[in-house]
Amino acid sequence: MLPDLEKENHIGDLAEKALGDKKILSELMKDILSEKEKIRFNSFKVLNRVSEIEPEALYPEWKFFENLLESENVYLRSIAVRIIANLAKVDKQDRFNRIFDTYYDLLNDSIIIARNVATNSGKIARYKPKIQIAITKKLLNIDKTSQKHKDLLKGDAIEAFDQYFKEAENKKTILEFAREQLNCESPRTRKKAKEFLEKWIT
């Protein structure tokens, strides 16, 4: 275990050190599996920071995070969803394409996992334009999932659409989806839909 993981104020420093030290990255990946919640959480915060700042540093460890997508632990699945989305930025080997169905099947998972999938879909769609239409289709079809909190999840989908709407190929369908949410049961989603439509309808 890396001792600094016990202290919140060392997260930023550890991320900087990890960028230049593969040994620290290796230790962080071990610590992310720790039974101690604080160690596990702080390790994730460091690795997530690394994946945002310099995703190339973690891309060689793709398989590690891919395996976490099917972990029995909800928190570990959530970690994988978020970090893989960041690694998609440098995914020249199209590894994400091969796990596309596994990733989006998690829209049927707990609401925490499903929301992470939806909210991170915006950046993935920007990073991987070749599968953008397929991503859009998954978000538009939230009603077809087994998710119990569909209305809440639709608000997250709208947030994702907002990140790549300018270059989206099926703008009309996305706008129709947003209009439908003006009458949904979730106040948050209604607000997101209203803001989205006001922003993009000129």
C-alpha atoms as a PDB file:
ATOM      1  CA  MET A   1       0.000   0.000   0.000  1.00  0.00           C
ATOM      2  CA  LEU A   2       1.180   3.513  -0.774  1.00  0.00           C
ATOM      3  CA  PRO A   3       1.205   5.370   2.566  1.00  0.00           C
ATOM      4  CA  ASP A   4       0.161   8.694   1.029  1.00  0.00           C
ATOM      5  CA  LEU A   5      -3.210   7.159   0.086  1.00  0.00           C
ATOM      6  CA  GLU A   6      -4.282   7.628   3.687  1.00  0.00           C
ATOM      7  CA  LYS A   7      -4.186  11.391   3.175  1.00  0.00           C
ATOM      8  CA  GLU A   8      -6.524  13.300   0.882  1.00  0.00           C
ATOM      9  CA  ASN A   9      -4.079  16.187   0.379  1.00  0.00           C
ATOM     10  CA  HIS A  10      -1.521  13.892  -1.276  1.00  0.00           C
ATOM     11  CA  ILE A  11      -3.782  12.844  -4.161  1.00  0.00           C
ATOM     12  CA  GLY A  12      -2.489  15.494  -6.587  1.00  0.00           C
ATOM     13  CA  ASP A  13       1.150  14.858  -5.657  1.00  0.00           C
ATOM     14  CA  LEU A  14       0.741  11.113  -6.143  1.00  0.00           C
ATOM     15  CA  ALA A  15      -0.777  11.618  -9.574  1.00  0.00           C
ATOM     16  CA  GLU A  16       2.229  13.679 -10.649  1.00  0.00           C
ATOM     17  CA  LYS A  17       4.648  11.074  -9.282  1.00  0.00           C
ATOM     18  CA  ALA A  18       2.742   8.216 -10.907  1.00  0.00           C
ATOM     19  CA  LEU A  19       3.091   9.803 -14.346  1.00  0.00           C
ATOM     20  CA  GLY A  20       6.831   9.235 -14.184  1.00  0.00           C
ATOM     21  CA  ASP A  21       6.976   6.027 -12.199  1.00  0.00           C
ATOM     22  CA  LYS A  22       5.488   2.732 -13.429  1.00  0.00           C
ATOM     23  CA  LYS A  23       6.099   1.180 -10.025  1.00  0.00           C
ATOM     24  CA  ILE A  24       3.751   3.678  -8.394  1.00  0.00           C
ATOM     25  CA  LEU A  25       1.119   3.015 -11.080  1.00  0.00           C
ATOM     26  CA  SER A  26       1.425  -0.694 -10.358  1.00  0.00           C
ATOM     27  CA  GLU A  27       0.980  -0.107  -6.631  1.00  0.00           C
ATOM     28  CA  LEU A  28      -2.046   2.082  -7.255  1.00  0.00           C
ATOM     29  CA  MET A  29      -3.724  -0.656  -9.261  1.00  0.00           C
ATOM     30  CA  LYS A  30      -3.128  -3.072  -6.413  1.00  0.00           C
ATOM     31  CA  ASP A  31      -4.490  -0.574  -3.917  1.00  0.00           C
ATOM     32  CA  ILE A  32      -7.618  -0.010  -5.976  1.00  0.00           C
ATOM     33  CA  LEU A  33      -8.531  -3.591  -5.035  1.00  0.00           C
ATOM     34  CA  SER A  34      -7.947  -2.945  -1.326  1.00  0.00           C
ATOM     35  CA  GLU A  35     -10.593  -3.993   1.183  1.00  0.00           C
ATOM     36  CA  LYS A  36     -10.096  -0.641   2.905  1.00  0.00           C
ATOM     37  CA  GLU A  37     -12.607   1.801   1.469  1.00  0.00           C
ATOM     38  CA  LYS A  38     -10.464   4.898   1.929  1.00  0.00           C
ATOM     39  CA  ILE A  39      -7.438   3.307   0.251  1.00  0.00           C
ATOM     40  CA  ARG A  40      -9.587   2.041  -2.609  1.00  0.00           C
ATOM     41  CA  PHE A  41     -11.291   5.419  -3.087  1.00  0.00           C
ATOM     42  CA  ASN A  42      -8.110   7.495  -2.926  1.00  0.00           C
ATOM     43  CA  SER A  43      -6.332   5.115  -5.287  1.00  0.00           C
ATOM     44  CA  PHE A  44      -9.145   5.579  -7.772  1.00  0.00           C
ATOM     45  CA  LYS A  45      -8.922   9.365  -7.436  1.00  0.00           C
ATOM     46  CA  VAL A  46      -5.217   9.259  -8.286  1.00  0.00           C
ATOM     47  CA  LEU A  47      -5.634   6.856 -11.216  1.00  0.00           C
ATOM     48  CA  ASN A  48      -8.586   8.819 -12.540  1.00  0.00           C
ATOM     49  CA  ARG A  49      -6.523  12.005 -12.397  1.00  0.00           C
ATOM     50  CA  VAL A  50      -3.739  10.253 -14.301  1.00  0.00           C
ATOM     51  CA  SER A  51      -6.216   9.007 -16.919  1.00  0.00           C
ATOM     52  CA  GLU A  52      -7.475  12.559 -17.414  1.00  0.00           C
ATOM     53  CA  ILE A  53      -4.074  14.256 -17.551  1.00  0.00           C
ATOM     54  CA  GLU A  54      -2.097  11.648 -19.471  1.00  0.00           C
ATOM     55  CA  PRO A  55      -4.231   8.668 -20.571  1.00  0.00           C
ATOM     56  CA  GLU A  56      -1.236   7.260 -22.478  1.00  0.00           C
ATOM     57  CA  ALA A  57       0.318   6.344 -19.124  1.00  0.00           C
ATOM     58  CA  LEU A  58      -2.549   3.983 -18.275  1.00  0.00           C
ATOM     59  CA  TYR A  59      -3.483   2.742 -21.729  1.00  0.00           C
ATOM     60  CA  PRO A  60      -1.094  -0.271 -21.499  1.00  0.00           C
ATOM     61  CA  GLU A  61      -3.176  -1.369 -18.483  1.00  0.00           C
ATOM     62  CA  TRP A  62      -6.436  -1.368 -20.456  1.00  0.00           C
ATOM     63  CA  LYS A  63      -7.079  -5.065 -19.827  1.00  0.00           C
ATOM     64  CA  PHE A  64      -6.927  -4.521 -16.062  1.00  0.00           C
ATOM     65  CA  PHE A  65      -9.754  -1.996 -16.200  1.00  0.00           C
ATOM     66  CA  GLU A  66     -11.656  -3.984 -18.802  1.00  0.00           C
ATOM     67  CA  ASN A  67     -11.731  -6.936 -16.395  1.00  0.00           C
ATOM     68  CA  LEU A  68     -13.120  -4.685 -13.666  1.00  0.00           C
ATOM     69  CA  LEU A  69     -16.212  -4.046 -15.817  1.00  0.00           C
ATOM     70  CA  GLU A  70     -17.353  -7.540 -14.878  1.00  0.00           C
ATOM     71  CA  SER A  71     -16.337  -7.388 -11.230  1.00  0.00           C
ATOM     72  CA  GLU A  72     -18.907  -8.430  -8.633  1.00  0.00           C
ATOM     73  CA  ASN A  73     -18.073  -5.218  -6.779  1.00  0.00           C
ATOM     74  CA  VAL A  74     -20.260  -2.263  -7.807  1.00  0.00           C
ATOM     75  CA  TYR A  75     -17.580   0.274  -6.918  1.00  0.00           C
ATOM     76  CA  LEU A  76     -14.958  -1.471  -9.058  1.00  0.00           C
ATOM     77  CA  ARG A  77     -17.329  -1.559 -12.013  1.00  0.00           C
ATOM     78  CA  SER A  78     -17.897   2.170 -11.553  1.00  0.00           C
ATOM     79  CA  ILE A  79     -14.136   2.781 -11.511  1.00  0.00           C
ATOM     80  CA  ALA A  80     -13.713   0.856 -14.756  1.00  0.00           C
ATOM     81  CA  VAL A  81     -16.522   2.750 -16.509  1.00  0.00           C
ATOM     82  CA  ARG A  82     -14.981   6.111 -15.726  1.00  0.00           C
ATOM     83  CA  ILE A  83     -11.332   5.340 -16.410  1.00  0.00           C
ATOM     84  CA  ILE A  84     -12.021   3.452 -19.646  1.00  0.00           C
ATOM     85  CA  ALA A  85     -13.933   6.493 -20.901  1.00  0.00           C
ATOM     86  CA  ASN A  86     -10.801   8.590 -20.378  1.00  0.00           C
ATOM     87  CA  LEU A  87      -8.558   5.983 -22.012  1.00  0.00           C
ATOM     88  CA  ALA A  88     -10.805   5.992 -25.089  1.00  0.00           C
ATOM     89  CA  LYS A  89      -9.109   9.261 -26.015  1.00  0.00           C
ATOM     90  CA  VAL A  90      -5.904   7.402 -26.917  1.00  0.00           C
ATOM     91  CA  ASP A  91      -7.476   4.108 -27.977  1.00  0.00           C
ATOM     92  CA  LYS A  92      -5.750   3.721 -31.338  1.00  0.00           C
ATOM     93  CA  GLN A  93      -6.191  -0.061 -31.196  1.00  0.00           C
ATOM     94  CA  ASP A  94      -9.988   0.287 -30.975  1.00  0.00           C
ATOM     95  CA  ARG A  95     -10.162  -1.771 -27.804  1.00  0.00           C
ATOM     96  CA  PHE A  96     -13.299   0.059 -26.760  1.00  0.00           C
ATOM     97  CA  ASN A  97     -15.082  -1.100 -29.893  1.00  0.00           C
ATOM     98  CA  ARG A  98     -14.535  -4.708 -28.797  1.00  0.00           C
ATOM     99  CA  ILE A  99     -16.090  -4.136 -25.378  1.00  0.00           C
ATOM    100  CA  PHE A 100     -18.855  -1.829 -26.616  1.00  0.00           C
ATOM    101  CA  ASP A 101     -21.684  -4.229 -25.758  1.00  0.00           C
ATOM    102  CA  THR A 102     -20.230  -5.067 -22.345  1.00  0.00           C
ATOM    103  CA  TYR A 103     -19.880  -1.370 -21.536  1.00  0.00           C
ATOM    104  CA  TYR A 104     -23.398  -0.429 -22.604  1.00  0.00           C
ATOM    105  CA  ASP A 105     -25.009  -3.478 -21.025  1.00  0.00           C
ATOM    106  CA  LEU A 106     -24.170  -1.673 -17.798  1.00  0.00           C
ATOM    107  CA  LEU A 107     -27.047   0.708 -18.512  1.00  0.00           C
ATOM    108  CA  ASN A 108     -29.043  -2.180 -17.017  1.00  0.00           C
ATOM    109  CA  ASP A 109     -26.883  -2.217 -13.878  1.00  0.00           C
ATOM    110  CA  SER A 110     -27.433  -0.254 -10.658  1.00  0.00           C
ATOM    111  CA  ILE A 111     -28.406   3.368 -11.202  1.00  0.00           C
ATOM    112  CA  ILE A 112     -24.960   4.489 -10.024  1.00  0.00           C
ATOM    113  CA  ILE A 113     -23.219   2.430 -12.704  1.00  0.00           C
ATOM    114  CA  ALA A 114     -25.789   3.280 -15.380  1.00  0.00           C
ATOM    115  CA  ARG A 115     -25.447   7.012 -14.716  1.00  0.00           C
ATOM    116  CA  ASN A 116     -21.658   6.767 -15.005  1.00  0.00           C
ATOM    117  CA  VAL A 117     -22.045   5.023 -18.364  1.00  0.00           C
ATOM    118  CA  ALA A 118     -24.448   7.676 -19.641  1.00  0.00           C
ATOM    119  CA  THR A 119     -22.529  10.721 -18.418  1.00  0.00           C
ATOM    120  CA  ASN A 120     -19.213   9.412 -19.764  1.00  0.00           C
ATOM    121  CA  SER A 121     -20.721   8.615 -23.161  1.00  0.00           C
ATOM    122  CA  GLY A 122     -20.337  12.217 -24.289  1.00  0.00           C
ATOM    123  CA  LYS A 123     -16.555  12.149 -24.126  1.00  0.00           C
ATOM    124  CA  ILE A 124     -16.392   8.671 -25.677  1.00  0.00           C
ATOM    125  CA  ALA A 125     -18.527   9.881 -28.603  1.00  0.00           C
ATOM    126  CA  ARG A 126     -16.113  12.778 -29.119  1.00  0.00           C
ATOM    127  CA  TYR A 127     -13.045  10.568 -28.896  1.00  0.00           C
ATOM    128  CA  LYS A 128     -14.436   7.835 -31.160  1.00  0.00           C
ATOM    129  CA  PRO A 129     -16.552   9.449 -33.899  1.00  0.00           C
ATOM    130  CA  LYS A 130     -16.749   6.203 -35.890  1.00  0.00           C
ATOM    131  CA  ILE A 131     -19.024   4.667 -33.246  1.00  0.00           C
ATOM    132  CA  GLN A 132     -20.812   7.875 -32.321  1.00  0.00           C
ATOM    133  CA  ILE A 133     -24.073   6.821 -33.992  1.00  0.00           C
ATOM    134  CA  ALA A 134     -24.021   3.510 -32.086  1.00  0.00           C
ATOM    135  CA  ILE A 135     -23.489   5.389 -28.802  1.00  0.00           C
ATOM    136  CA  THR A 136     -26.341   7.756 -29.595  1.00  0.00           C
ATOM    137  CA  LYS A 137     -28.623   4.810 -30.299  1.00  0.00           C
ATOM    138  CA  LYS A 138     -27.849   3.262 -26.906  1.00  0.00           C
ATOM    139  CA  LEU A 139     -28.709   6.520 -25.136  1.00  0.00           C
ATOM    140  CA  LEU A 140     -31.877   7.066 -27.148  1.00  0.00           C
ATOM    141  CA  ASN A 141     -33.054   3.567 -26.235  1.00  0.00           C
ATOM    142  CA  ILE A 142     -32.908   3.897 -22.453  1.00  0.00           C
ATOM    143  CA  ASP A 143     -36.588   2.888 -22.328  1.00  0.00           C
ATOM    144  CA  LYS A 144     -35.551  -0.524 -23.641  1.00  0.00           C
ATOM    145  CA  THR A 145     -33.219  -1.175 -20.693  1.00  0.00           C
ATOM    146  CA  SER A 146     -34.258  -2.878 -17.475  1.00  0.00           C
ATOM    147  CA  GLN A 147     -33.234   0.230 -15.542  1.00  0.00           C
ATOM    148  CA  LYS A 148     -35.778   1.222 -12.888  1.00  0.00           C
ATOM    149  CA  HIS A 149     -34.768   4.883 -12.903  1.00  0.00           C
ATOM    150  CA  LYS A 150     -35.125   5.575 -16.610  1.00  0.00           C
ATOM    151  CA  ASP A 151     -36.289   9.182 -16.267  1.00  0.00           C
ATOM    152  CA  LEU A 152     -33.249  10.109 -14.188  1.00  0.00           C
ATOM    153  CA  LEU A 153     -30.929   8.343 -16.610  1.00  0.00           C
ATOM    154  CA  LYS A 154     -32.405  10.247 -19.544  1.00  0.00           C
ATOM    155  CA  GLY A 155     -31.177  13.478 -17.976  1.00  0.00           C
ATOM    156  CA  ASP A 156     -27.650  12.071 -17.996  1.00  0.00           C
ATOM    157  CA  ALA A 157     -28.105  11.076 -21.642  1.00  0.00           C
ATOM    158  CA  ILE A 158     -29.032  14.666 -22.480  1.00  0.00           C
ATOM    159  CA  GLU A 159     -25.864  15.867 -20.738  1.00  0.00           C
ATOM    160  CA  ALA A 160     -23.881  13.447 -22.886  1.00  0.00           C
ATOM    161  CA  PHE A 161     -25.608  14.609 -26.083  1.00  0.00           C
ATOM    162  CA  ASP A 162     -24.708  18.187 -25.197  1.00  0.00           C
ATOM    163  CA  GLN A 163     -21.013  17.300 -25.337  1.00  0.00           C
ATOM    164  CA  TYR A 164     -21.100  16.229 -28.988  1.00  0.00           C
ATOM    165  CA  PHE A 165     -24.351  17.558 -30.426  1.00  0.00           C
ATOM    166  CA  LYS A 166     -22.544  20.044 -32.655  1.00  0.00           C
ATOM    167  CA  GLU A 167     -20.988  17.203 -34.669  1.00  0.00           C
ATOM    168  CA  ALA A 168     -23.760  14.626 -34.178  1.00  0.00           C
ATOM    169  CA  GLU A 169     -25.174  13.139 -37.375  1.00  0.00           C
ATOM    170  CA  ASN A 170     -28.711  12.524 -36.086  1.00  0.00           C
ATOM    171  CA  LYS A 171     -29.511  15.878 -34.525  1.00  0.00           C
ATOM    172  CA  LYS A 172     -33.227  15.661 -35.336  1.00  0.00           C
ATOM    173  CA  THR A 173     -33.696  12.435 -33.386  1.00  0.00           C
ATOM    174  CA  ILE A 174     -31.723  13.771 -30.422  1.00  0.00           C
ATOM    175  CA  LEU A 175     -33.832  16.943 -30.351  1.00  0.00           C
ATOM    176  CA  GLU A 176     -37.006  14.858 -30.437  1.00  0.00           C
ATOM    177  CA  PHE A 177     -35.707  12.833 -27.503  1.00  0.00           C
ATOM    178  CA  ALA A 178     -35.011  16.027 -25.549  1.00  0.00           C
ATOM    179  CA  ARG A 179     -38.479  17.410 -26.301  1.00  0.00           C
ATOM    180  CA  GLU A 180     -40.065  14.223 -24.979  1.00  0.00           C
ATOM    181  CA  GLN A 181     -38.288  14.747 -21.661  1.00  0.00           C
ATOM    182  CA  LEU A 182     -39.971  18.120 -21.085  1.00  0.00           C
ATOM    183  CA  ASN A 183     -42.860  16.118 -19.634  1.00  0.00           C
ATOM    184  CA  CYS A 184     -40.957  13.353 -17.845  1.00  0.00           C
ATOM    185  CA  GLU A 185     -41.389  12.690 -14.122  1.00  0.00           C
ATOM    186  CA  SER A 186     -37.866  13.739 -13.128  1.00  0.00           C
ATOM    187  CA  PRO A 187     -37.617  17.502 -12.404  1.00  0.00           C
ATOM    188  CA  ARG A 188     -33.863  17.332 -13.004  1.00  0.00           C
ATOM    189  CA  THR A 189     -34.310  15.759 -16.427  1.00  0.00           C
ATOM    190  CA  ARG A 190     -37.016  18.253 -17.383  1.00  0.00           C
ATOM    191  CA  LYS A 191     -34.604  21.056 -16.510  1.00  0.00           C
ATOM    192  CA  LYS A 192     -31.769  19.454 -18.502  1.00  0.00           C
ATOM    193  CA  ALA A 193     -34.063  19.014 -21.506  1.00  0.00           C
ATOM    194  CA  LYS A 194     -35.204  22.636 -21.371  1.00  0.00           C
ATOM    195  CA  GLU A 195     -31.638  23.933 -21.118  1.00  0.00           C
ATOM    196  CA  PHE A 196     -30.481  21.667 -23.938  1.00  0.00           C
ATOM    197  CA  LEU A 197     -33.252  22.766 -26.294  1.00  0.00           C
ATOM    198  CA  GLU A 198     -32.729  26.436 -25.507  1.00  0.00           C
ATOM    199  CA  LYS A 199     -29.025  26.041 -26.265  1.00  0.00           C
ATOM    200  CA  TRP A 200     -29.269  24.133 -29.517  1.00  0.00           C
ATOM    201  CA  ILE A 201     -32.459  25.332 -31.193  1.00  0.00           C
ATOM    202  CA  THR A 202     -31.689  28.596 -32.985  1.00  0.00           C
END
